[in-house]
Amino acid sequence: MKTLFPAAPKTSGHISLLEFIEGAHLHLGAHKRTVMKSQRIDVFHDENPSVYVVVAGRLQVLIATPQGIDVFVTDVECGEMIGEAAALSDGSVPIIIEACEISDVYVMDRVMFFRAIEEHGDFSMAVMRAMCQRLCRVNRRLADTVTLPMHIRLKAELMRLAKPSTDGKLIIDRLPTHEELALRISSQREAVTKELAKLNRCGFISKSGRRLIVRINDVS
C-alpha cells in the first residue's frame, strides 16, 4: 500500500516536531497561528480538535473543575505540543489552552496528524519524545505539590520560569501576576504576595524594571 508520507531524510540525530512541520519532505498541512496573551482555546468543546506545536512563546494547560476553578497542569514550551490526546481519542479531553504571552503555534489537523503517526515511524518517535518531555515535567510538578511546602514550591517555580541571560544571571522577563503564580503552585494570591516580599528581602529575587532577577542558589 502506498503511504501518504515519504520517508524523511536520514540524519545522525533525532528529528524534532518543528523540523518535521517546517521541512519540505513531510506535508502535514500545518498552518501558523498567533495566540494573543491570555487568549484561550477550549479543547473540550472543539468538535474537530487540532494539535498545537509551539514555535515561540509559551502556552499553559488548565483543567476546569465542575466548581468553575481552573487547575494548572503544565506549560507547553517551544517545540512541544498539546492537543494530541483529544486528536487521538474518541472522547473529549477537558483541557483549556491559554497563552502566557503572545505565542506562535503551528496547528495540525487531527486527520493529517493521525495519518503521519501511522505511516511515518520517525514522526511517531518525535511525537512520543515531545509527549514524554511534557509528561516528565507534569510528574515533577505533581511531586512538588504533594511533598513540598508552599514557599519552596514558589522558589522552584521561579527557577523554572527564569532563563539564563548573557551575563550569567537568571532572568524572568515578564513575571506572571501573583494570582497566576498562585494558580501555578496551587496556592492563594495573598500567600504568594507575602512570600515574594520575603524572597525580595532575603535577596533571592530582585527587580530590574519589568524583569525579575533570580539568584542562583539552592531552592530549599
C-alpha atoms as a PDB file:
ATOM      1  CA  MET A   1       0.000   0.000   0.000  1.00  0.00           C
ATOM      2  CA  LYS A   2       1.321   3.435  -0.916  1.00  0.00           C
ATOM      3  CA  THR A   3       1.832   5.671   2.098  1.00  0.00           C
ATOM      4  CA  LEU A   4       0.791   9.297   2.234  1.00  0.00           C
ATOM      5  CA  PHE A   5       4.097  10.485   3.689  1.00  0.00           C
ATOM      6  CA  PRO A   6       7.528   9.966   2.083  1.00  0.00           C
ATOM      7  CA  ALA A   7      10.477   8.911   4.205  1.00  0.00           C
ATOM      8  CA  ALA A   8      12.364  11.656   5.994  1.00  0.00           C
ATOM      9  CA  PRO A   9      15.991  12.260   5.040  1.00  0.00           C
ATOM     10  CA  LYS A  10      18.484  10.321   7.132  1.00  0.00           C
ATOM     11  CA  THR A  11      20.189  12.309   9.881  1.00  0.00           C
ATOM     12  CA  SER A  12      22.612  11.445  12.664  1.00  0.00           C
ATOM     13  CA  GLY A  13      20.274  12.760  15.359  1.00  0.00           C
ATOM     14  CA  HIS A  14      16.584  12.915  16.205  1.00  0.00           C
ATOM     15  CA  ILE A  15      14.236  14.987  14.062  1.00  0.00           C
ATOM     16  CA  SER A  16      12.173  17.397  16.124  1.00  0.00           C
ATOM     17  CA  LEU A  17       8.488  18.121  15.607  1.00  0.00           C
ATOM     18  CA  LEU A  18       9.304  21.605  14.324  1.00  0.00           C
ATOM     19  CA  GLU A  19      11.742  20.142  11.791  1.00  0.00           C
ATOM     20  CA  PHE A  20       9.025  17.772  10.555  1.00  0.00           C
ATOM     21  CA  ILE A  21       6.483  20.572  10.244  1.00  0.00           C
ATOM     22  CA  GLU A  22       8.817  23.071   8.590  1.00  0.00           C
ATOM     23  CA  GLY A  23      10.628  20.538   6.382  1.00  0.00           C
ATOM     24  CA  ALA A  24       9.541  20.129   2.780  1.00  0.00           C
ATOM     25  CA  HIS A  25       9.841  16.334   2.883  1.00  0.00           C
ATOM     26  CA  LEU A  26       6.729  15.845   5.026  1.00  0.00           C
ATOM     27  CA  HIS A  27       3.464  17.580   4.113  1.00  0.00           C
ATOM     28  CA  LEU A  28       1.476  17.856   7.332  1.00  0.00           C
ATOM     29  CA  GLY A  29      -0.756  20.691   6.195  1.00  0.00           C
ATOM     30  CA  ALA A  30       0.043  22.701   9.325  1.00  0.00           C
ATOM     31  CA  HIS A  31      -0.692  26.405   9.369  1.00  0.00           C
ATOM     32  CA  LYS A  32       0.832  29.051  11.576  1.00  0.00           C
ATOM     33  CA  ARG A  33      -1.285  30.973  14.069  1.00  0.00           C
ATOM     34  CA  THR A  34      -0.613  33.700  16.618  1.00  0.00           C
ATOM     35  CA  VAL A  35      -2.278  33.293  20.010  1.00  0.00           C
ATOM     36  CA  MET A  36      -2.517  36.525  21.992  1.00  0.00           C
ATOM     37  CA  LYS A  37      -1.625  36.696  25.679  1.00  0.00           C
ATOM     38  CA  SER A  38      -4.450  35.306  27.872  1.00  0.00           C
ATOM     39  CA  GLN A  39      -6.324  34.024  24.805  1.00  0.00           C
ATOM     40  CA  ARG A  40      -7.940  30.645  25.475  1.00  0.00           C
ATOM     41  CA  ILE A  41      -8.578  27.616  23.287  1.00  0.00           C
ATOM     42  CA  ASP A  42     -11.236  25.294  24.696  1.00  0.00           C
ATOM     43  CA  VAL A  43     -10.213  21.824  23.524  1.00  0.00           C
ATOM     44  CA  PHE A  44     -13.094  20.228  25.433  1.00  0.00           C
ATOM     45  CA  HIS A  45     -15.742  21.831  23.188  1.00  0.00           C
ATOM     46  CA  ASP A  46     -13.793  21.538  19.925  1.00  0.00           C
ATOM     47  CA  GLU A  47     -15.690  19.164  17.597  1.00  0.00           C
ATOM     48  CA  ASN A  48     -12.597  18.686  15.427  1.00  0.00           C
ATOM     49  CA  PRO A  49      -9.663  19.052  17.873  1.00  0.00           C
ATOM     50  CA  SER A  50      -6.328  20.133  16.437  1.00  0.00           C
ATOM     51  CA  VAL A  51      -2.762  19.585  17.581  1.00  0.00           C
ATOM     52  CA  TYR A  52      -0.763  22.692  18.503  1.00  0.00           C
ATOM     53  CA  VAL A  53       3.035  22.879  18.347  1.00  0.00           C
ATOM     54  CA  VAL A  54       4.648  25.933  19.941  1.00  0.00           C
ATOM     55  CA  VAL A  55       7.054  27.861  17.710  1.00  0.00           C
ATOM     56  CA  ALA A  56       7.637  30.835  20.012  1.00  0.00           C
ATOM     57  CA  GLY A  57       6.226  31.913  23.366  1.00  0.00           C
ATOM     58  CA  ARG A  58       4.595  29.663  25.935  1.00  0.00           C
ATOM     59  CA  LEU A  59       1.184  28.108  26.491  1.00  0.00           C
ATOM     60  CA  GLN A  60      -0.252  26.725  29.696  1.00  0.00           C
ATOM     61  CA  VAL A  61      -2.655  23.837  30.115  1.00  0.00           C
ATOM     62  CA  LEU A  62      -5.580  24.178  32.513  1.00  0.00           C
ATOM     63  CA  ILE A  63      -8.371  21.858  33.611  1.00  0.00           C
ATOM     64  CA  ALA A  64     -11.655  23.483  34.574  1.00  0.00           C
ATOM     65  CA  THR A  65     -13.320  21.736  37.516  1.00  0.00           C
ATOM     66  CA  PRO A  66     -17.131  21.379  37.863  1.00  0.00           C
ATOM     67  CA  GLN A  67     -16.867  24.084  40.552  1.00  0.00           C
ATOM     68  CA  GLY A  68     -15.519  26.535  37.968  1.00  0.00           C
ATOM     69  CA  ILE A  69     -11.955  26.519  39.303  1.00  0.00           C
ATOM     70  CA  ASP A  70      -9.024  26.393  36.878  1.00  0.00           C
ATOM     71  CA  VAL A  71      -6.316  23.901  37.824  1.00  0.00           C
ATOM     72  CA  PHE A  72      -2.882  24.471  36.308  1.00  0.00           C
ATOM     73  CA  VAL A  73      -1.370  21.326  34.759  1.00  0.00           C
ATOM     74  CA  THR A  74       1.776  22.292  32.874  1.00  0.00           C
ATOM     75  CA  ASP A  75       3.447  24.642  30.434  1.00  0.00           C
ATOM     76  CA  VAL A  76       3.881  23.905  26.741  1.00  0.00           C
ATOM     77  CA  GLU A  77       7.169  25.368  25.565  1.00  0.00           C
ATOM     78  CA  CYS A  78       8.890  25.910  22.224  1.00  0.00           C
ATOM     79  CA  GLY A  79       8.969  22.706  20.171  1.00  0.00           C
ATOM     80  CA  GLU A  80       6.397  20.969  22.363  1.00  0.00           C
ATOM     81  CA  MET A  81       2.795  20.125  21.515  1.00  0.00           C
ATOM     82  CA  ILE A  82      -0.632  19.933  23.100  1.00  0.00           C
ATOM     83  CA  GLY A  83      -3.961  18.599  21.878  1.00  0.00           C
ATOM     84  CA  GLU A  84      -2.703  15.187  20.789  1.00  0.00           C
ATOM     85  CA  ALA A  85      -4.812  13.357  23.389  1.00  0.00           C
ATOM     86  CA  ALA A  86      -8.027  14.842  22.027  1.00  0.00           C
ATOM     87  CA  ALA A  87      -6.912  14.176  18.449  1.00  0.00           C
ATOM     88  CA  LEU A  88      -6.116  10.518  19.129  1.00  0.00           C
ATOM     89  CA  SER A  89      -9.077   9.595  21.326  1.00  0.00           C
ATOM     90  CA  ASP A  90     -12.765   9.266  20.574  1.00  0.00           C
ATOM     91  CA  GLY A  91     -13.829  11.184  23.670  1.00  0.00           C
ATOM     92  CA  SER A  92     -13.220  14.797  24.621  1.00  0.00           C
ATOM     93  CA  VAL A  93     -10.371  15.779  26.905  1.00  0.00           C
ATOM     94  CA  PRO A  94     -11.423  18.529  29.345  1.00  0.00           C
ATOM     95  CA  ILE A  95      -8.447  20.877  28.933  1.00  0.00           C
ATOM     96  CA  ILE A  96      -8.100  24.553  28.151  1.00  0.00           C
ATOM     97  CA  ILE A  97      -5.035  26.023  26.441  1.00  0.00           C
ATOM     98  CA  GLU A  98      -4.112  29.573  27.428  1.00  0.00           C
ATOM     99  CA  ALA A  99      -1.262  31.721  26.114  1.00  0.00           C
ATOM    100  CA  CYS A 100       1.050  33.010  28.867  1.00  0.00           C
ATOM    101  CA  GLU A 101       2.405  35.545  26.361  1.00  0.00           C
ATOM    102  CA  ILE A 102       1.976  36.295  22.672  1.00  0.00           C
ATOM    103  CA  SER A 103       2.771  32.911  21.132  1.00  0.00           C
ATOM    104  CA  ASP A 104       3.165  31.497  17.628  1.00  0.00           C
ATOM    105  CA  VAL A 105       1.964  27.949  17.069  1.00  0.00           C
ATOM    106  CA  TYR A 106       1.596  25.511  14.229  1.00  0.00           C
ATOM    107  CA  VAL A 107      -1.879  23.984  14.021  1.00  0.00           C
ATOM    108  CA  MET A 108      -2.225  20.464  12.606  1.00  0.00           C
ATOM    109  CA  ASP A 109      -5.481  18.840  11.573  1.00  0.00           C
ATOM    110  CA  ARG A 110      -6.166  15.664  13.571  1.00  0.00           C
ATOM    111  CA  VAL A 111      -6.612  13.537  10.419  1.00  0.00           C
ATOM    112  CA  MET A 112      -3.222  14.509   8.997  1.00  0.00           C
ATOM    113  CA  PHE A 113      -1.626  14.121  12.418  1.00  0.00           C
ATOM    114  CA  PHE A 114      -3.067  10.637  12.876  1.00  0.00           C
ATOM    115  CA  ARG A 115      -2.044   9.514   9.385  1.00  0.00           C
ATOM    116  CA  ALA A 116       1.508  10.773   9.913  1.00  0.00           C
ATOM    117  CA  ILE A 117       1.769   8.752  13.135  1.00  0.00           C
ATOM    118  CA  GLU A 118       0.509   5.614  11.384  1.00  0.00           C
ATOM    119  CA  GLU A 119       2.725   5.920   8.320  1.00  0.00           C
ATOM    120  CA  HIS A 120       5.925   7.598   9.477  1.00  0.00           C
ATOM    121  CA  GLY A 121       7.994   5.971  12.216  1.00  0.00           C
ATOM    122  CA  ASP A 122      10.365   8.911  12.711  1.00  0.00           C
ATOM    123  CA  PHE A 123       7.440  11.285  13.124  1.00  0.00           C
ATOM    124  CA  SER A 124       5.868   8.930  15.671  1.00  0.00           C
ATOM    125  CA  MET A 125       9.114   8.934  17.652  1.00  0.00           C
ATOM    126  CA  ALA A 126       9.242  12.735  17.592  1.00  0.00           C
ATOM    127  CA  VAL A 127       5.667  12.829  18.916  1.00  0.00           C
ATOM    128  CA  MET A 128       6.488  10.365  21.702  1.00  0.00           C
ATOM    129  CA  ARG A 129       9.598  12.302  22.722  1.00  0.00           C
ATOM    130  CA  ALA A 130       7.596  15.529  22.942  1.00  0.00           C
ATOM    131  CA  MET A 131       4.864  13.814  24.967  1.00  0.00           C
ATOM    132  CA  CYS A 132       7.393  12.248  27.364  1.00  0.00           C
ATOM    133  CA  GLN A 133       9.201  15.547  27.861  1.00  0.00           C
ATOM    134  CA  ARG A 134       5.974  17.255  28.868  1.00  0.00           C
ATOM    135  CA  LEU A 135       4.848  14.291  30.998  1.00  0.00           C
ATOM    136  CA  CYS A 136       8.120  14.286  32.971  1.00  0.00           C
ATOM    137  CA  ARG A 137       7.551  17.947  33.812  1.00  0.00           C
ATOM    138  CA  VAL A 138       3.966  17.234  34.894  1.00  0.00           C
ATOM    139  CA  ASN A 139       5.169  14.403  37.151  1.00  0.00           C
ATOM    140  CA  ARG A 140       7.861  16.595  38.707  1.00  0.00           C
ATOM    141  CA  ARG A 141       5.346  19.350  39.427  1.00  0.00           C
ATOM    142  CA  LEU A 142       2.876  16.851  40.909  1.00  0.00           C
ATOM    143  CA  ALA A 143       5.568  15.504  43.224  1.00  0.00           C
ATOM    144  CA  ASP A 144       6.450  19.060  44.292  1.00  0.00           C
ATOM    145  CA  THR A 145       2.803  19.889  45.009  1.00  0.00           C
ATOM    146  CA  VAL A 146       2.338  16.786  47.156  1.00  0.00           C
ATOM    147  CA  THR A 147       5.612  16.892  49.081  1.00  0.00           C
ATOM    148  CA  LEU A 148       6.927  20.469  49.270  1.00  0.00           C
ATOM    149  CA  PRO A 149       5.716  23.402  51.383  1.00  0.00           C
ATOM    150  CA  MET A 150       4.379  26.442  49.568  1.00  0.00           C
ATOM    151  CA  HIS A 151       7.472  28.660  49.935  1.00  0.00           C
ATOM    152  CA  ILE A 152       9.735  26.034  48.370  1.00  0.00           C
ATOM    153  CA  ARG A 153       7.220  25.406  45.542  1.00  0.00           C
ATOM    154  CA  LEU A 154       7.266  29.136  44.803  1.00  0.00           C
ATOM    155  CA  LYS A 155      11.069  29.207  44.673  1.00  0.00           C
ATOM    156  CA  ALA A 156      11.091  26.173  42.382  1.00  0.00           C
ATOM    157  CA  GLU A 157       8.507  27.794  40.096  1.00  0.00           C
ATOM    158  CA  LEU A 158      10.540  30.994  39.832  1.00  0.00           C
ATOM    159  CA  MET A 159      13.580  28.912  38.907  1.00  0.00           C
ATOM    160  CA  ARG A 160      11.554  27.121  36.213  1.00  0.00           C
ATOM    161  CA  LEU A 161      10.324  30.396  34.738  1.00  0.00           C
ATOM    162  CA  ALA A 162      13.750  32.042  34.745  1.00  0.00           C
ATOM    163  CA  LYS A 163      16.031  31.910  31.712  1.00  0.00           C
ATOM    164  CA  PRO A 164      19.807  32.483  31.676  1.00  0.00           C
ATOM    165  CA  SER A 165      20.941  35.869  30.368  1.00  0.00           C
ATOM    166  CA  THR A 166      24.193  36.730  28.602  1.00  0.00           C
ATOM    167  CA  ASP A 167      25.750  37.902  31.879  1.00  0.00           C
ATOM    168  CA  GLY A 168      25.009  34.599  33.620  1.00  0.00           C
ATOM    169  CA  LYS A 169      22.001  35.764  35.620  1.00  0.00           C
ATOM    170  CA  LEU A 170      18.632  34.026  35.723  1.00  0.00           C
ATOM    171  CA  ILE A 171      16.000  36.414  34.411  1.00  0.00           C
ATOM    172  CA  ILE A 172      12.207  36.330  34.250  1.00  0.00           C
ATOM    173  CA  ASP A 173      11.391  38.880  31.564  1.00  0.00           C
ATOM    174  CA  ARG A 174       7.741  39.166  32.474  1.00  0.00           C
ATOM    175  CA  LEU A 175       6.760  37.864  35.870  1.00  0.00           C
ATOM    176  CA  PRO A 176       3.244  36.374  35.974  1.00  0.00           C
ATOM    177  CA  THR A 177       0.776  38.138  38.230  1.00  0.00           C
ATOM    178  CA  HIS A 178       0.589  36.992  41.830  1.00  0.00           C
ATOM    179  CA  GLU A 179      -2.733  35.346  41.024  1.00  0.00           C
ATOM    180  CA  GLU A 180      -1.181  33.471  38.090  1.00  0.00           C
ATOM    181  CA  LEU A 181       1.720  32.319  40.249  1.00  0.00           C
ATOM    182  CA  ALA A 182      -0.723  31.110  42.891  1.00  0.00           C
ATOM    183  CA  LEU A 183      -2.556  29.085  40.233  1.00  0.00           C
ATOM    184  CA  ARG A 184       0.701  27.524  39.056  1.00  0.00           C
ATOM    185  CA  ILE A 185       1.727  26.337  42.540  1.00  0.00           C
ATOM    186  CA  SER A 186      -1.742  25.508  43.934  1.00  0.00           C
ATOM    187  CA  SER A 187      -1.746  28.315  46.479  1.00  0.00           C
ATOM    188  CA  GLN A 188      -3.517  31.612  47.223  1.00  0.00           C
ATOM    189  CA  ARG A 189      -2.669  35.044  45.831  1.00  0.00           C
ATOM    190  CA  GLU A 190      -2.260  36.617  49.276  1.00  0.00           C
ATOM    191  CA  ALA A 191       0.206  33.908  50.332  1.00  0.00           C
ATOM    192  CA  VAL A 192       2.234  34.381  47.138  1.00  0.00           C
ATOM    193  CA  THR A 193       2.370  38.154  47.653  1.00  0.00           C
ATOM    194  CA  LYS A 194       3.711  37.742  51.201  1.00  0.00           C
ATOM    195  CA  GLU A 195       6.260  35.133  50.178  1.00  0.00           C
ATOM    196  CA  LEU A 196       7.551  37.218  47.243  1.00  0.00           C
ATOM    197  CA  ALA A 197       8.151  40.085  49.662  1.00  0.00           C
ATOM    198  CA  LYS A 198      10.164  37.746  51.897  1.00  0.00           C
ATOM    199  CA  LEU A 199      12.192  36.474  48.943  1.00  0.00           C
ATOM    200  CA  ASN A 200      12.939  40.048  47.924  1.00  0.00           C
ATOM    201  CA  ARG A 201      14.104  40.956  51.432  1.00  0.00           C
ATOM    202  CA  CYS A 202      16.421  37.958  51.695  1.00  0.00           C
ATOM    203  CA  GLY A 203      17.896  38.624  48.240  1.00  0.00           C
ATOM    204  CA  PHE A 204      16.629  35.539  46.437  1.00  0.00           C
ATOM    205  CA  ILE A 205      14.904  37.811  43.916  1.00  0.00           C
ATOM    206  CA  SER A 206      15.317  41.434  42.866  1.00  0.00           C
ATOM    207  CA  LYS A 207      13.521  43.641  40.358  1.00  0.00           C
ATOM    208  CA  SER A 208      15.120  45.391  37.412  1.00  0.00           C
ATOM    209  CA  GLY A 209      12.430  47.362  35.595  1.00  0.00           C
ATOM    210  CA  ARG A 210       9.803  44.845  34.471  1.00  0.00           C
ATOM    211  CA  ARG A 211      12.252  41.978  34.836  1.00  0.00           C
ATOM    212  CA  LEU A 212      12.875  39.798  37.856  1.00  0.00           C
ATOM    213  CA  ILE A 213      16.367  38.548  38.653  1.00  0.00           C
ATOM    214  CA  VAL A 214      16.516  35.187  40.427  1.00  0.00           C
ATOM    215  CA  ARG A 215      19.630  34.379  42.431  1.00  0.00           C
ATOM    216  CA  ILE A 216      21.167  31.039  41.536  1.00  0.00           C
ATOM    217  CA  ASN A 217      21.253  29.018  44.718  1.00  0.00           C
ATOM    218  CA  ASP A 218      19.584  26.083  46.408  1.00  0.00           C
ATOM    219  CA  VAL A 219      15.763  26.333  46.409  1.00  0.00           C
ATOM    220  CA  SER A 220      15.416  24.797  49.894  1.00  0.00           C
END
